[in-house]
């Protein structure tokens, strides 16, 4: 099987798995209009409106999450090639970590790590 045949086979397998998921969902879904149109989260009734506003401190928490998420996104491939790239790769990574640390220090200064 050449590369194109393998891609077509993988596409067919993915399509079959997705279709099976939809069919299983349709078979297991409860019937009744009230169940379908009501908001649902873990079987509990919602206590707040769906478009309620978040406190501004959660945006700083999001900033922290993105800083560490982006860090891990770039550190894994870097760890794979650092031996071949040499000392310049280590210096570049410390510059990158310094930029991320500046974001963490900013969030800390703004009170993102204070929960009271």
PDB file of N, CA and C in Angstrom:
ATOM      1  N   UNK A   1       0.853  -1.164   0.000  1.00  0.00           N
ATOM      2  CA  UNK A   1       0.000   0.000   0.000  1.00  0.00           C
ATOM      3  C   UNK A   1       0.902   1.231   0.000  1.00  0.00           C
ATOM      4  N   UNK A   2       0.714   2.099  -0.963  1.00  0.00           N
ATOM      5  CA  UNK A   2       1.534   3.307  -1.019  1.00  0.00           C
ATOM      6  C   UNK A   2       1.033   4.350  -0.022  1.00  0.00           C
ATOM      7  N   UNK A   3       1.662   5.499   0.035  1.00  0.00           N
ATOM      8  CA  UNK A   3       1.314   6.542   0.995  1.00  0.00           C
ATOM      9  C   UNK A   3      -0.104   7.058   0.815  1.00  0.00           C
ATOM     10  N   UNK A   4      -0.559   7.155  -0.434  1.00  0.00           N
ATOM     11  CA  UNK A   4      -1.908   7.654  -0.694  1.00  0.00           C
ATOM     12  C   UNK A   4      -2.956   6.653  -0.221  1.00  0.00           C
ATOM     13  N   UNK A   5      -2.714   5.379  -0.429  1.00  0.00           N
ATOM     14  CA  UNK A   5      -3.651   4.351   0.025  1.00  0.00           C
ATOM     15  C   UNK A   5      -3.754   4.316   1.542  1.00  0.00           C
ATOM     16  N   UNK A   6      -2.635   4.507   2.223  1.00  0.00           N
ATOM     17  CA  UNK A   6      -2.657   4.539   3.681  1.00  0.00           C
ATOM     18  C   UNK A   6      -3.446   5.737   4.191  1.00  0.00           C
ATOM     19  N   UNK A   7      -3.319   6.875   3.525  1.00  0.00           N
ATOM     20  CA  UNK A   7      -4.072   8.067   3.927  1.00  0.00           C
ATOM     21  C   UNK A   7      -5.562   7.862   3.724  1.00  0.00           C
ATOM     22  N   UNK A   8      -5.934   7.229   2.615  1.00  0.00           N
ATOM     23  CA  UNK A   8      -7.351   6.958   2.353  1.00  0.00           C
ATOM     24  C   UNK A   8      -7.895   5.963   3.380  1.00  0.00           C
ATOM     25  N   UNK A   9      -7.105   4.946   3.712  1.00  0.00           N
ATOM     26  CA  UNK A   9      -7.545   3.978   4.715  1.00  0.00           C
ATOM     27  C   UNK A   9      -7.715   4.639   6.079  1.00  0.00           C
ATOM     28  N   UNK A  10      -6.819   5.539   6.450  1.00  0.00           N
ATOM     29  CA  UNK A  10      -6.932   6.249   7.725  1.00  0.00           C
ATOM     30  C   UNK A  10      -8.145   7.169   7.729  1.00  0.00           C
ATOM     31  N   UNK A  11      -8.416   7.827   6.619  1.00  0.00           N
ATOM     32  CA  UNK A  11      -9.595   8.682   6.500  1.00  0.00           C
ATOM     33  C   UNK A  11     -10.871   7.856   6.624  1.00  0.00           C
ATOM     34  N   UNK A  12     -10.908   6.691   5.996  1.00  0.00           N
ATOM     35  CA  UNK A  12     -12.079   5.815   6.101  1.00  0.00           C
ATOM     36  C   UNK A  12     -12.276   5.324   7.525  1.00  0.00           C
ATOM     37  N   UNK A  13     -11.188   4.971   8.200  1.00  0.00           N
ATOM     38  CA  UNK A  13     -11.283   4.526   9.585  1.00  0.00           C
ATOM     39  C   UNK A  13     -11.781   5.649  10.492  1.00  0.00           C
ATOM     40  N   UNK A  14     -11.265   6.853  10.304  1.00  0.00           N
ATOM     41  CA  UNK A  14     -11.697   7.994  11.116  1.00  0.00           C
ATOM     42  C   UNK A  14     -13.165   8.301  10.869  1.00  0.00           C
ATOM     43  N   UNK A  15     -13.598   8.247   9.613  1.00  0.00           N
ATOM     44  CA  UNK A  15     -15.006   8.492   9.293  1.00  0.00           C
ATOM     45  C   UNK A  15     -15.896   7.435   9.923  1.00  0.00           C
ATOM     46  N   UNK A  16     -15.483   6.185   9.891  1.00  0.00           N
ATOM     47  CA  UNK A  16     -16.273   5.109  10.497  1.00  0.00           C
ATOM     48  C   UNK A  16     -16.364   5.285  12.016  1.00  0.00           C
ATOM     49  N   UNK A  17     -15.269   5.678  12.654  1.00  0.00           N
ATOM     50  CA  UNK A  17     -15.298   5.887  14.103  1.00  0.00           C
ATOM     51  C   UNK A  17     -16.200   7.054  14.483  1.00  0.00           C
ATOM     52  N   UNK A  18     -16.153   8.130  13.729  1.00  0.00           N
ATOM     53  CA  UNK A  18     -17.010   9.283  14.012  1.00  0.00           C
ATOM     54  C   UNK A  18     -18.473   8.919  13.803  1.00  0.00           C
ATOM     55  N   UNK A  19     -18.778   8.221  12.716  1.00  0.00           N
ATOM     56  CA  UNK A  19     -20.162   7.800  12.460  1.00  0.00           C
ATOM     57  C   UNK A  19     -20.661   6.868  13.557  1.00  0.00           C
ATOM     58  N   UNK A  20     -19.797   5.965  14.024  1.00  0.00           N
ATOM     59  CA  UNK A  20     -20.179   5.069  15.118  1.00  0.00           C
ATOM     60  C   UNK A  20     -20.466   5.864  16.389  1.00  0.00           C
ATOM     61  N   UNK A  21     -19.683   6.869  16.667  1.00  0.00           N
ATOM     62  CA  UNK A  21     -19.914   7.721  17.829  1.00  0.00           C
ATOM     63  C   UNK A  21     -21.253   8.429  17.750  1.00  0.00           C
ATOM     64  N   UNK A  22     -21.574   8.977  16.582  1.00  0.00           N
ATOM     65  CA  UNK A  22     -22.865   9.639  16.407  1.00  0.00           C
ATOM     66  C   UNK A  22     -24.020   8.654  16.556  1.00  0.00           C
ATOM     67  N   UNK A  23     -23.877   7.457  16.012  1.00  0.00           N
ATOM     68  CA  UNK A  23     -24.943   6.458  16.131  1.00  0.00           C
ATOM     69  C   UNK A  23     -25.132   6.022  17.582  1.00  0.00           C
ATOM     70  N   UNK A  24     -24.044   5.805  18.309  1.00  0.00           N
ATOM     71  CA  UNK A  24     -24.153   5.441  19.724  1.00  0.00           C
ATOM     72  C   UNK A  24     -24.776   6.562  20.544  1.00  0.00           C
ATOM     73  N   UNK A  25     -24.425   7.788  20.225  1.00  0.00           N
ATOM     74  CA  UNK A  25     -25.015   8.925  20.926  1.00  0.00           C
ATOM     75  C   UNK A  25     -26.512   9.007  20.664  1.00  0.00           C
ATOM     76  N   UNK A  26     -26.903   8.820  19.425  1.00  0.00           N
ATOM     77  CA  UNK A  26     -28.325   8.857  19.086  1.00  0.00           C
ATOM     78  C   UNK A  26     -29.114   7.745  19.752  1.00  0.00           C
ATOM     79  N   UNK A  27     -28.495   6.575  19.907  1.00  0.00           N
ATOM     80  CA  UNK A  27     -29.183   5.456  20.545  1.00  0.00           C
ATOM     81  C   UNK A  27     -29.287   5.658  22.055  1.00  0.00           C
ATOM     82  N   UNK A  28     -28.304   6.289  22.661  1.00  0.00           N
ATOM     83  CA  UNK A  28     -28.299   6.447  24.113  1.00  0.00           C
ATOM     84  C   UNK A  28     -28.982   7.729  24.583  1.00  0.00           C
ATOM     85  N   UNK A  29     -29.259   8.657  23.673  1.00  0.00           N
ATOM     86  CA  UNK A  29     -29.829   9.939  24.052  1.00  0.00           C
ATOM     87  C   UNK A  29     -31.274   9.782  24.530  1.00  0.00           C
ATOM     88  N   UNK A  30     -31.619  10.406  25.663  1.00  0.00           N
ATOM     89  CA  UNK A  30     -33.005  10.331  26.120  1.00  0.00           C
ATOM     90  C   UNK A  30     -33.920  11.104  25.176  1.00  0.00           C
ATOM     91  N   UNK A  31     -35.157  10.666  25.105  1.00  0.00           N
ATOM     92  CA  UNK A  31     -36.101  11.338  24.215  1.00  0.00           C
ATOM     93  C   UNK A  31     -36.916  12.331  25.018  1.00  0.00           C
ATOM     94  N   UNK A  32     -37.493  13.273  24.333  1.00  0.00           N
ATOM     95  CA  UNK A  32     -38.312  14.294  24.981  1.00  0.00           C
ATOM     96  C   UNK A  32     -37.744  15.672  24.714  1.00  0.00           C
ATOM     97  N   UNK A  33     -38.614  16.592  24.379  1.00  0.00           N
ATOM     98  CA  UNK A  33     -38.186  17.944  24.015  1.00  0.00           C
ATOM     99  C   UNK A  33     -37.573  18.684  25.203  1.00  0.00           C
ATOM    100  N   UNK A  34     -38.111  18.510  26.405  1.00  0.00           N
ATOM    101  CA  UNK A  34     -37.602  19.243  27.562  1.00  0.00           C
ATOM    102  C   UNK A  34     -36.151  18.887  27.855  1.00  0.00           C
ATOM    103  N   UNK A  35     -35.769  17.670  27.639  1.00  0.00           N
ATOM    104  CA  UNK A  35     -34.394  17.256  27.899  1.00  0.00           C
ATOM    105  C   UNK A  35     -33.459  17.835  26.846  1.00  0.00           C
ATOM    106  N   UNK A  36     -33.918  17.913  25.615  1.00  0.00           N
ATOM    107  CA  UNK A  36     -33.055  18.348  24.520  1.00  0.00           C
ATOM    108  C   UNK A  36     -32.766  19.843  24.599  1.00  0.00           C
ATOM    109  N   UNK A  37     -33.733  20.677  24.982  1.00  0.00           N
ATOM    110  CA  UNK A  37     -33.519  22.118  24.952  1.00  0.00           C
ATOM    111  C   UNK A  37     -33.000  22.683  26.263  1.00  0.00           C
ATOM    112  N   UNK A  38     -32.950  21.895  27.329  1.00  0.00           N
ATOM    113  CA  UNK A  38     -32.470  22.424  28.600  1.00  0.00           C
ATOM    114  C   UNK A  38     -30.947  22.402  28.633  1.00  0.00           C
ATOM    115  N   UNK A  39     -30.333  23.418  29.268  1.00  0.00           N
ATOM    116  CA  UNK A  39     -28.879  23.391  29.407  1.00  0.00           C
ATOM    117  C   UNK A  39     -28.470  22.228  30.301  1.00  0.00           C
ATOM    118  N   UNK A  40     -27.301  21.684  30.030  1.00  0.00           N
ATOM    119  CA  UNK A  40     -26.908  20.456  30.726  1.00  0.00           C
ATOM    120  C   UNK A  40     -25.445  20.529  31.084  1.00  0.00           C
ATOM    121  N   UNK A  41     -25.156  20.274  32.354  1.00  0.00           N
ATOM    122  CA  UNK A  41     -23.772  20.154  32.782  1.00  0.00           C
ATOM    123  C   UNK A  41     -23.722  19.154  33.918  1.00  0.00           C
ATOM    124  N   UNK A  42     -23.281  17.994  33.632  1.00  0.00           N
ATOM    125  CA  UNK A  42     -23.132  16.925  34.614  1.00  0.00           C
ATOM    126  C   UNK A  42     -24.436  16.591  35.324  1.00  0.00           C
ATOM    127  N   UNK A  43     -25.559  16.778  34.679  1.00  0.00           N
ATOM    128  CA  UNK A  43     -26.845  16.421  35.252  1.00  0.00           C
ATOM    129  C   UNK A  43     -27.399  17.415  36.245  1.00  0.00           C
ATOM    130  N   UNK A  44     -26.721  18.542  36.444  1.00  0.00           N
ATOM    131  CA  UNK A  44     -27.188  19.525  37.424  1.00  0.00           C
ATOM    132  C   UNK A  44     -27.832  20.709  36.710  1.00  0.00           C
ATOM    133  N   UNK A  45     -28.839  21.290  37.330  1.00  0.00           N
ATOM    134  CA  UNK A  45     -29.459  22.495  36.791  1.00  0.00           C
ATOM    135  C   UNK A  45     -28.479  23.661  36.907  1.00  0.00           C
ATOM    136  N   UNK A  46     -28.423  24.546  35.920  1.00  0.00           N
ATOM    137  CA  UNK A  46     -27.513  25.691  36.003  1.00  0.00           C
ATOM    138  C   UNK A  46     -27.970  26.673  37.084  1.00  0.00           C
ATOM    139  N   UNK A  47     -26.997  27.281  37.753  1.00  0.00           N
ATOM    140  CA  UNK A  47     -27.314  28.249  38.797  1.00  0.00           C
ATOM    141  C   UNK A  47     -27.103  29.683  38.343  1.00  0.00           C
ATOM    142  N   UNK A  48     -26.368  29.887  37.262  1.00  0.00           N
ATOM    143  CA  UNK A  48     -26.137  31.232  36.725  1.00  0.00           C
ATOM    144  C   UNK A  48     -26.495  31.233  35.247  1.00  0.00           C
ATOM    145  N   UNK A  49     -26.655  32.422  34.700  1.00  0.00           N
ATOM    146  CA  UNK A  49     -26.982  32.563  33.289  1.00  0.00           C
ATOM    147  C   UNK A  49     -25.789  32.137  32.440  1.00  0.00           C
ATOM    148  N   UNK A  50     -26.053  31.645  31.262  1.00  0.00           N
ATOM    149  CA  UNK A  50     -24.991  31.098  30.413  1.00  0.00           C
ATOM    150  C   UNK A  50     -24.009  32.159  29.940  1.00  0.00           C
ATOM    151  N   UNK A  51     -24.434  33.407  29.838  1.00  0.00           N
ATOM    152  CA  UNK A  51     -23.534  34.465  29.372  1.00  0.00           C
ATOM    153  C   UNK A  51     -23.139  35.386  30.523  1.00  0.00           C
ATOM    154  N   UNK A  52     -23.059  34.851  31.738  1.00  0.00           N
ATOM    155  CA  UNK A  52     -22.655  35.674  32.878  1.00  0.00           C
ATOM    156  C   UNK A  52     -21.188  36.066  32.728  1.00  0.00           C
ATOM    157  N   UNK A  53     -20.839  37.168  33.338  1.00  0.00           N
ATOM    158  CA  UNK A  53     -19.475  37.684  33.217  1.00  0.00           C
ATOM    159  C   UNK A  53     -18.568  37.058  34.263  1.00  0.00           C
ATOM    160  N   UNK A  54     -17.300  36.943  33.900  1.00  0.00           N
ATOM    161  CA  UNK A  54     -16.302  36.419  34.819  1.00  0.00           C
ATOM    162  C   UNK A  54     -15.566  37.581  35.485  1.00  0.00           C
ATOM    163  N   UNK A  55     -15.055  37.330  36.665  1.00  0.00           N
ATOM    164  CA  UNK A  55     -14.241  38.330  37.341  1.00  0.00           C
ATOM    165  C   UNK A  55     -12.938  38.502  36.563  1.00  0.00           C
ATOM    166  N   UNK A  56     -12.390  39.699  36.598  1.00  0.00           N
ATOM    167  CA  UNK A  56     -11.204  40.001  35.802  1.00  0.00           C
ATOM    168  C   UNK A  56      -9.998  39.159  36.230  1.00  0.00           C
ATOM    169  N   UNK A  57      -9.955  38.675  37.480  1.00  0.00           N
ATOM    170  CA  UNK A  57      -8.797  37.880  37.907  1.00  0.00           C
ATOM    171  C   UNK A  57      -8.679  36.578  37.124  1.00  0.00           C
ATOM    172  N   UNK A  58      -9.780  36.076  36.571  1.00  0.00           N
ATOM    173  CA  UNK A  58      -9.704  34.830  35.799  1.00  0.00           C
ATOM    174  C   UNK A  58      -8.968  35.035  34.487  1.00  0.00           C
ATOM    175  N   UNK A  59      -8.968  36.256  33.971  1.00  0.00           N
ATOM    176  CA  UNK A  59      -8.214  36.518  32.753  1.00  0.00           C
ATOM    177  C   UNK A  59      -6.717  36.465  33.040  1.00  0.00           C
ATOM    178  N   UNK A  60      -6.311  36.873  34.225  1.00  0.00           N
ATOM    179  CA  UNK A  60      -4.902  36.754  34.592  1.00  0.00           C
ATOM    180  C   UNK A  60      -4.511  35.294  34.793  1.00  0.00           C
ATOM    181  N   UNK A  61      -5.415  34.502  35.337  1.00  0.00           N
ATOM    182  CA  UNK A  61      -5.144  33.070  35.464  1.00  0.00           C
ATOM    183  C   UNK A  61      -4.994  32.456  34.073  1.00  0.00           C
ATOM    184  N   UNK A  62      -5.812  32.905  33.138  1.00  0.00           N
ATOM    185  CA  UNK A  62      -5.703  32.433  31.760  1.00  0.00           C
ATOM    186  C   UNK A  62      -4.351  32.812  31.164  1.00  0.00           C
ATOM    187  N   UNK A  63      -3.873  34.000  31.475  1.00  0.00           N
ATOM    188  CA  UNK A  63      -2.556  34.427  31.009  1.00  0.00           C
ATOM    189  C   UNK A  63      -1.466  33.502  31.533  1.00  0.00           C
ATOM    190  N   UNK A  64      -1.568  33.131  32.808  1.00  0.00           N
ATOM    191  CA  UNK A  64      -0.597  32.196  33.371  1.00  0.00           C
ATOM    192  C   UNK A  64      -0.668  30.837  32.683  1.00  0.00           C
ATOM    193  N   UNK A  65      -1.889  30.347  32.479  1.00  0.00           N
ATOM    194  CA  UNK A  65      -2.040  29.056  31.819  1.00  0.00           C
ATOM    195  C   UNK A  65      -1.425  29.085  30.426  1.00  0.00           C
ATOM    196  N   UNK A  66      -1.709  30.133  29.668  1.00  0.00           N
ATOM    197  CA  UNK A  66      -1.153  30.217  28.314  1.00  0.00           C
ATOM    198  C   UNK A  66       0.365  30.315  28.344  1.00  0.00           C
ATOM    199  N   UNK A  67       0.914  31.015  29.323  1.00  0.00           N
ATOM    200  CA  UNK A  67       2.376  31.124  29.411  1.00  0.00           C
ATOM    201  C   UNK A  67       3.001  29.746  29.612  1.00  0.00           C
ATOM    202  N   UNK A  68       2.455  28.968  30.533  1.00  0.00           N
ATOM    203  CA  UNK A  68       3.029  27.645  30.779  1.00  0.00           C
ATOM    204  C   UNK A  68       2.674  26.655  29.677  1.00  0.00           C
ATOM    205  N   UNK A  69       1.536  26.823  29.043  1.00  0.00           N
ATOM    206  CA  UNK A  69       1.152  25.943  27.950  1.00  0.00           C
ATOM    207  C   UNK A  69       2.054  26.165  26.746  1.00  0.00           C
ATOM    208  N   UNK A  70       2.302  27.417  26.411  1.00  0.00           N
ATOM    209  CA  UNK A  70       3.191  27.722  25.289  1.00  0.00           C
ATOM    210  C   UNK A  70       4.613  27.271  25.608  1.00  0.00           C
ATOM    211  N   UNK A  71       4.983  27.384  26.858  1.00  0.00           N
ATOM    212  CA  UNK A  71       6.318  26.926  27.262  1.00  0.00           C
ATOM    213  C   UNK A  71       6.484  25.439  26.971  1.00  0.00           C
ATOM    214  N   UNK A  72       5.524  24.641  27.368  1.00  0.00           N
ATOM    215  CA  UNK A  72       5.614  23.199  27.127  1.00  0.00           C
ATOM    216  C   UNK A  72       5.520  22.882  25.632  1.00  0.00           C
ATOM    217  N   UNK A  73       4.768  23.681  24.898  1.00  0.00           N
ATOM    218  CA  UNK A  73       4.633  23.463  23.459  1.00  0.00           C
ATOM    219  C   UNK A  73       5.980  23.588  22.753  1.00  0.00           C
ATOM    220  N   UNK A  74       6.811  24.516  23.210  1.00  0.00           N
ATOM    221  CA  UNK A  74       8.103  24.721  22.570  1.00  0.00           C
ATOM    222  C   UNK A  74       9.237  23.941  23.231  1.00  0.00           C
ATOM    223  N   UNK A  75       9.072  23.543  24.491  1.00  0.00           N
ATOM    224  CA  UNK A  75      10.172  22.857  25.161  1.00  0.00           C
ATOM    225  C   UNK A  75      10.322  21.402  24.730  1.00  0.00           C
ATOM    226  N   UNK A  76       9.240  20.739  24.359  1.00  0.00           N
ATOM    227  CA  UNK A  76       9.373  19.337  23.961  1.00  0.00           C
ATOM    228  C   UNK A  76      10.201  19.192  22.683  1.00  0.00           C
ATOM    229  N   UNK A  77       9.865  19.898  21.593  1.00  0.00           N
ATOM    230  CA  UNK A  77      10.732  19.744  20.409  1.00  0.00           C
ATOM    231  C   UNK A  77      12.150  20.241  20.660  1.00  0.00           C
ATOM    232  N   UNK A  78      12.290  21.247  21.500  1.00  0.00           N
ATOM    233  CA  UNK A  78      13.628  21.733  21.820  1.00  0.00           C
ATOM    234  C   UNK A  78      14.433  20.653  22.521  1.00  0.00           C
ATOM    235  N   UNK A  79      13.799  19.925  23.458  1.00  0.00           N
ATOM    236  CA  UNK A  79      14.502  18.869  24.185  1.00  0.00           C
ATOM    237  C   UNK A  79      14.938  17.737  23.260  1.00  0.00           C
ATOM    238  N   UNK A  80      14.218  17.539  22.171  1.00  0.00           N
ATOM    239  CA  UNK A  80      14.566  16.482  21.235  1.00  0.00           C
ATOM    240  C   UNK A  80      15.821  16.841  20.438  1.00  0.00           C
ATOM    241  N   UNK A  81      15.996  18.119  20.095  1.00  0.00           N
ATOM    242  CA  UNK A  81      17.101  18.514  19.221  1.00  0.00           C
ATOM    243  C   UNK A  81      18.200  19.298  19.926  1.00  0.00           C
ATOM    244  N   UNK A  82      18.141  19.459  21.252  1.00  0.00           N
ATOM    245  CA  UNK A  82      19.113  20.314  21.932  1.00  0.00           C
ATOM    246  C   UNK A  82      20.537  19.780  21.815  1.00  0.00           C
ATOM    247  N   UNK A  83      20.718  18.481  21.804  1.00  0.00           N
ATOM    248  CA  UNK A  83      22.062  17.924  21.705  1.00  0.00           C
ATOM    249  C   UNK A  83      22.693  18.261  20.348  1.00  0.00           C
ATOM    250  N   UNK A  84      21.893  18.192  19.285  1.00  0.00           N
ATOM    251  CA  UNK A  84      22.419  18.497  17.958  1.00  0.00           C
ATOM    252  C   UNK A  84      22.623  19.996  17.745  1.00  0.00           C
ATOM    253  N   UNK A  85      21.776  20.826  18.365  1.00  0.00           N
ATOM    254  CA  UNK A  85      21.840  22.270  18.138  1.00  0.00           C
ATOM    255  C   UNK A  85      22.969  22.934  18.905  1.00  0.00           C
ATOM    256  N   UNK A  86      23.355  22.394  20.042  1.00  0.00           N
ATOM    257  CA  UNK A  86      24.491  22.932  20.782  1.00  0.00           C
ATOM    258  C   UNK A  86      24.120  23.994  21.799  1.00  0.00           C
ATOM    259  N   UNK A  87      25.130  24.767  22.183  1.00  0.00           N
ATOM    260  CA  UNK A  87      24.970  25.746  23.257  1.00  0.00           C
ATOM    261  C   UNK A  87      24.059  26.899  22.861  1.00  0.00           C
ATOM    262  N   UNK A  88      23.992  27.228  21.591  1.00  0.00           N
ATOM    263  CA  UNK A  88      23.121  28.335  21.176  1.00  0.00           C
ATOM    264  C   UNK A  88      21.657  28.015  21.454  1.00  0.00           C
ATOM    265  N   UNK A  89      21.284  26.745  21.340  1.00  0.00           N
ATOM    266  CA  UNK A  89      19.904  26.362  21.637  1.00  0.00           C
ATOM    267  C   UNK A  89      19.591  26.545  23.111  1.00  0.00           C
ATOM    268  N   UNK A  90      20.564  26.287  23.964  1.00  0.00           N
ATOM    269  CA  UNK A  90      20.353  26.471  25.403  1.00  0.00           C
ATOM    270  C   UNK A  90      20.187  27.957  25.722  1.00  0.00           C
ATOM    271  N   UNK A  91      20.996  28.792  25.116  1.00  0.00           N
ATOM    272  CA  UNK A  91      20.886  30.235  25.339  1.00  0.00           C
ATOM    273  C   UNK A  91      19.539  30.746  24.836  1.00  0.00           C
ATOM    274  N   UNK A  92      19.119  30.305  23.660  1.00  0.00           N
ATOM    275  CA  UNK A  92      17.829  30.731  23.123  1.00  0.00           C
ATOM    276  C   UNK A  92      16.677  30.284  24.015  1.00  0.00           C
ATOM    277  N   UNK A  93      16.773  29.086  24.590  1.00  0.00           N
ATOM    278  CA  UNK A  93      15.698  28.625  25.468  1.00  0.00           C
ATOM    279  C   UNK A  93      15.647  29.451  26.739  1.00  0.00           C
ATOM    280  N   UNK A  94      16.792  29.835  27.284  1.00  0.00           N
ATOM    281  CA  UNK A  94      16.768  30.672  28.481  1.00  0.00           C
ATOM    282  C   UNK A  94      16.221  32.066  28.179  1.00  0.00           C
ATOM    283  N   UNK A  95      16.464  32.576  26.989  1.00  0.00           N
ATOM    284  CA  UNK A  95      15.859  33.858  26.594  1.00  0.00           C
ATOM    285  C   UNK A  95      14.341  33.702  26.503  1.00  0.00           C
ATOM    286  N   UNK A  96      13.886  32.626  25.919  1.00  0.00           N
ATOM    287  CA  UNK A  96      12.456  32.350  25.811  1.00  0.00           C
ATOM    288  C   UNK A  96      11.822  32.193  27.192  1.00  0.00           C
ATOM    289  N   UNK A  97      12.473  31.440  28.081  1.00  0.00           N
ATOM    290  CA  UNK A  97      11.946  31.264  29.438  1.00  0.00           C
ATOM    291  C   UNK A  97      11.946  32.583  30.203  1.00  0.00           C
ATOM    292  N   UNK A  98      12.904  33.452  29.921  1.00  0.00           N
ATOM    293  CA  UNK A  98      12.917  34.775  30.548  1.00  0.00           C
ATOM    294  C   UNK A  98      11.725  35.614  30.117  1.00  0.00           C
ATOM    295  N   UNK A  99      11.362  35.534  28.829  1.00  0.00           N
ATOM    296  CA  UNK A  99      10.179  36.256  28.350  1.00  0.00           C
ATOM    297  C   UNK A  99       8.909  35.713  28.997  1.00  0.00           C
ATOM    298  N   UNK A 100       8.823  34.397  29.141  1.00  0.00           N
ATOM    299  CA  UNK A 100       7.665  33.818  29.821  1.00  0.00           C
ATOM    300  C   UNK A 100       7.648  34.178  31.298  1.00  0.00           C
ATOM    301  N   UNK A 101       8.804  34.229  31.918  1.00  0.00           N
ATOM    302  CA  UNK A 101       8.870  34.606  33.328  1.00  0.00           C
ATOM    303  C   UNK A 101       8.416  36.051  33.513  1.00  0.00           C
ATOM    304  N   UNK A 102       8.689  36.908  32.540  1.00  0.00           N
ATOM    305  CA  UNK A 102       8.206  38.290  32.624  1.00  0.00           C
ATOM    306  C   UNK A 102       6.680  38.311  32.660  1.00  0.00           C
ATOM    307  N   UNK A 103       6.029  37.446  31.888  1.00  0.00           N
ATOM    308  CA  UNK A 103       4.567  37.345  31.931  1.00  0.00           C
ATOM    309  C   UNK A 103       4.069  36.835  33.269  1.00  0.00           C
ATOM    310  N   UNK A 104       4.767  35.880  33.855  1.00  0.00           N
ATOM    311  CA  UNK A 104       4.380  35.348  35.160  1.00  0.00           C
ATOM    312  C   UNK A 104       4.567  36.414  36.243  1.00  0.00           C
ATOM    313  N   UNK A 105       5.663  37.155  36.187  1.00  0.00           N
ATOM    314  CA  UNK A 105       5.895  38.226  37.161  1.00  0.00           C
ATOM    315  C   UNK A 105       4.824  39.304  37.036  1.00  0.00           C
ATOM    316  N   UNK A 106       4.436  39.633  35.809  1.00  0.00           N
ATOM    317  CA  UNK A 106       3.367  40.614  35.603  1.00  0.00           C
ATOM    318  C   UNK A 106       2.061  40.123  36.216  1.00  0.00           C
ATOM    319  N   UNK A 107       1.718  38.860  35.978  1.00  0.00           N
ATOM    320  CA  UNK A 107       0.484  38.315  36.543  1.00  0.00           C
ATOM    321  C   UNK A 107       0.563  38.269  38.067  1.00  0.00           C
ATOM    322  N   UNK A 108       1.716  37.944  38.608  1.00  0.00           N
ATOM    323  CA  UNK A 108       1.896  37.919  40.055  1.00  0.00           C
ATOM    324  C   UNK A 108       1.713  39.325  40.637  1.00  0.00           C
ATOM    325  N   UNK A 109       2.315  40.310  39.961  1.00  0.00           N
ATOM    326  CA  UNK A 109       2.210  41.696  40.419  1.00  0.00           C
ATOM    327  C   UNK A 109       0.768  42.196  40.365  1.00  0.00           C
ATOM    328  N   UNK A 110       0.001  41.745  39.368  1.00  0.00           N
ATOM    329  CA  UNK A 110      -1.387  42.158  39.235  1.00  0.00           C
ATOM    330  C   UNK A 110      -2.323  41.402  40.167  1.00  0.00           C
ATOM    331  N   UNK A 111      -1.815  40.401  40.871  1.00  0.00           N
ATOM    332  CA  UNK A 111      -2.622  39.694  41.856  1.00  0.00           C
ATOM    333  C   UNK A 111      -3.294  38.441  41.363  1.00  0.00           C
ATOM    334  N   UNK A 112      -2.812  37.847  40.286  1.00  0.00           N
ATOM    335  CA  UNK A 112      -3.445  36.642  39.745  1.00  0.00           C
ATOM    336  C   UNK A 112      -3.247  35.437  40.666  1.00  0.00           C
ATOM    337  N   UNK A 113      -2.224  35.460  41.494  1.00  0.00           N
ATOM    338  CA  UNK A 113      -1.939  34.336  42.369  1.00  0.00           C
ATOM    339  C   UNK A 113      -2.562  34.519  43.753  1.00  0.00           C
ATOM    340  N   UNK A 114      -3.269  35.615  43.975  1.00  0.00           N
ATOM    341  CA  UNK A 114      -3.927  35.887  45.252  1.00  0.00           C
ATOM    342  C   UNK A 114      -5.390  35.481  45.130  1.00  0.00           C
ATOM    343  N   UNK A 115      -5.875  34.618  45.987  1.00  0.00           N
ATOM    344  CA  UNK A 115      -7.242  34.091  45.850  1.00  0.00           C
ATOM    345  C   UNK A 115      -8.191  34.657  46.879  1.00  0.00           C
ATOM    346  N   UNK A 116      -7.729  35.493  47.757  1.00  0.00           N
ATOM    347  CA  UNK A 116      -8.617  36.036  48.790  1.00  0.00           C
ATOM    348  C   UNK A 116      -9.218  37.360  48.357  1.00  0.00           C
TER     349      UNK A 116
END
